[in-house]
C-alpha atoms as a PDB file:
ATOM      1  CA  PRO A   1      29.947  84.912 144.473  1.00  0.00           C
ATOM      2  CA  GLY A   2      31.552  81.503 144.261  1.00  0.00           C
ATOM      3  CA  GLU A   3      34.739  81.459 142.251  1.00  0.00           C
ATOM      4  CA  ASN A   4      33.653  84.130 139.750  1.00  0.00           C
ATOM      5  CA  LYS A   5      36.145  86.914 140.451  1.00  0.00           C
ATOM      6  CA  GLU A   6      34.557  89.104 137.756  1.00  0.00           C
ATOM      7  CA  ILE A   7      31.680  89.927 140.127  1.00  0.00           C
ATOM      8  CA  THR A   8      33.005  92.429 142.657  1.00  0.00           C
ATOM      9  CA  THR A   9      32.061  95.405 144.760  1.00  0.00           C
ATOM     10  CA  LYS A  10      33.366  98.768 143.549  1.00  0.00           C
ATOM     11  CA  SER A  11      35.385 101.234 145.599  1.00  0.00           C
ATOM     12  CA  GLN A  12      33.180 104.286 145.159  1.00  0.00           C
ATOM     13  CA  SER A  13      29.931 102.544 146.109  1.00  0.00           C
ATOM     14  CA  THR A  14      31.688 100.906 149.071  1.00  0.00           C
ATOM     15  CA  LEU A  15      32.937 104.288 150.335  1.00  0.00           C
ATOM     16  CA  LEU A  16      29.477 105.774 149.924  1.00  0.00           C
ATOM     17  CA  SER A  17      28.007 102.883 151.929  1.00  0.00           C
ATOM     18  CA  ILE A  18      30.575 103.330 154.698  1.00  0.00           C
ATOM     19  CA  SER A  19      30.015 107.090 154.833  1.00  0.00           C
ATOM     20  CA  ASN A  20      26.229 106.715 154.947  1.00  0.00           C
ATOM     21  CA  THR A  21      26.466 104.076 157.665  1.00  0.00           C
ATOM     22  CA  LEU A  22      28.797 106.230 159.784  1.00  0.00           C
ATOM     23  CA  SER A  23      26.200 109.000 159.777  1.00  0.00           C
ATOM     24  CA  LEU A  24      23.603 106.576 161.205  1.00  0.00           C
ATOM     25  CA  LEU A  25      25.866 105.057 163.862  1.00  0.00           C
ATOM     26  CA  LYS A  26      25.114 105.860 167.501  1.00  0.00           C
ATOM     27  CA  SER A  27      27.745 106.301 170.192  1.00  0.00           C
ATOM     28  CA  GLY A  28      29.188 102.919 171.146  1.00  0.00           C
ATOM     29  CA  GLY A  29      27.983 101.367 167.893  1.00  0.00           C
ATOM     30  CA  LEU A  30      30.145  99.232 165.617  1.00  0.00           C
ATOM     31  CA  ILE A  31      30.499  98.758 161.884  1.00  0.00           C
ATOM     32  CA  THR A  32      32.325  95.732 160.493  1.00  0.00           C
ATOM     33  CA  ILE A  33      33.665  95.624 156.949  1.00  0.00           C
ATOM     34  CA  GLY A  34      34.882  92.467 155.233  1.00  0.00           C
ATOM     35  CA  ILE A  35      37.655  93.314 152.772  1.00  0.00           C
ATOM     36  CA  TYR A  36      38.369  90.664 150.153  1.00  0.00           C
ATOM     37  CA  VAL A  37      41.743  91.063 148.473  1.00  0.00           C
ATOM     38  CA  GLY A  38      41.944  87.849 146.465  1.00  0.00           C
ATOM     39  CA  HIS A  39      41.520  89.642 143.128  1.00  0.00           C
ATOM     40  CA  ASN A  40      42.707  92.885 141.502  1.00  0.00           C
ATOM     41  CA  GLU A  41      39.586  94.951 142.227  1.00  0.00           C
ATOM     42  CA  GLY A  42      39.711  93.802 145.866  1.00  0.00           C
ATOM     43  CA  LYS A  43      43.321  94.947 146.259  1.00  0.00           C
ATOM     44  CA  LYS A  44      42.429  98.343 144.819  1.00  0.00           C
ATOM     45  CA  GLU A  45      39.367  98.584 147.029  1.00  0.00           C
ATOM     46  CA  GLU A  46      41.364  97.644 150.139  1.00  0.00           C
ATOM     47  CA  SER A  47      43.803 100.481 149.531  1.00  0.00           C
ATOM     48  CA  ILE A  48      40.992 103.007 149.088  1.00  0.00           C
ATOM     49  CA  ILE A  49      39.051 101.773 152.131  1.00  0.00           C
ATOM     50  CA  ILE A  50      42.108 101.758 154.410  1.00  0.00           C
ATOM     51  CA  ASP A  51      43.067 105.258 153.271  1.00  0.00           C
ATOM     52  CA  TYR A  52      39.526 106.478 154.032  1.00  0.00           C
ATOM     53  CA  LEU A  53      39.454 104.801 157.461  1.00  0.00           C
ATOM     54  CA  ARG A  54      42.859 106.220 158.443  1.00  0.00           C
ATOM     55  CA  LYS A  55      41.458 109.723 157.906  1.00  0.00           C
ATOM     56  CA  LEU A  56      38.464 109.290 160.223  1.00  0.00           C
ATOM     57  CA  PRO A  57      38.793 111.642 163.197  1.00  0.00           C
ATOM     58  CA  LYS A  58      40.229 109.675 166.118  1.00  0.00           C
ATOM     59  CA  ASP A  59      38.285 111.742 168.625  1.00  0.00           C
ATOM     60  CA  LYS A  60      35.047 110.386 167.094  1.00  0.00           C
ATOM     61  CA  PHE A  61      35.953 106.890 165.860  1.00  0.00           C
ATOM     62  CA  GLY A  62      38.243 104.023 166.754  1.00  0.00           C
ATOM     63  CA  VAL A  63      39.282 101.851 163.803  1.00  0.00           C
ATOM     64  CA  MET A  64      40.885  98.401 163.934  1.00  0.00           C
ATOM     65  CA  LEU A  65      42.093  96.176 161.116  1.00  0.00           C
ATOM     66  CA  HIS A  66      42.221  92.433 161.689  1.00  0.00           C
ATOM     67  CA  GLU A  67      44.059  90.015 159.416  1.00  0.00           C
ATOM     68  CA  TYR A  68      45.238  86.449 159.435  1.00  0.00           C
ATOM     69  CA  ILE A  69      48.955  86.105 160.080  1.00  0.00           C
ATOM     70  CA  ASN A  70      49.157  82.369 159.424  1.00  0.00           C
ATOM     71  CA  ARG A  71      47.317  82.279 156.071  1.00  0.00           C
ATOM     72  CA  SER A  72      47.939  83.561 152.576  1.00  0.00           C
ATOM     73  CA  ALA A  73      48.427  87.253 151.868  1.00  0.00           C
ATOM     74  CA  THR A  74      45.129  87.231 149.972  1.00  0.00           C
ATOM     75  CA  SER A  75      43.027  86.166 152.965  1.00  0.00           C
ATOM     76  CA  PRO A  76      40.177  88.541 153.802  1.00  0.00           C
ATOM     77  CA  ARG A  77      40.671  91.340 156.312  1.00  0.00           C
ATOM     78  CA  LEU A  78      38.147  92.671 158.787  1.00  0.00           C
ATOM     79  CA  ALA A  79      37.874  96.379 159.575  1.00  0.00           C
ATOM     80  CA  VAL A  80      35.961  97.402 162.696  1.00  0.00           C
ATOM     81  CA  ILE A  81      34.846 100.970 163.329  1.00  0.00           C
ATOM     82  CA  GLU A  82      33.546 102.055 166.730  1.00  0.00           C
ATOM     83  CA  LYS A  83      31.828 105.392 167.239  1.00  0.00           C
ATOM     84  CA  LYS A  84      32.930 107.022 170.485  1.00  0.00           C
END
């Protein structure tokens, strides 16, 4: 929301959203998640999201993490989940 870094998503509601969306996803479907790490809550949330995604069963989901390599370390990341 603009430059107001006090307004953020929260880790637990984000994980609940991801989990609920995974249960609705059909085979071959994709979920994309924008992860914003330019503030403290975003860094915490990134760690929790990545940990959750790493634990998804690889026989059911493929997970990719995309990041800029020629921008600042606080540039957003993009996670992509594909249901097999």
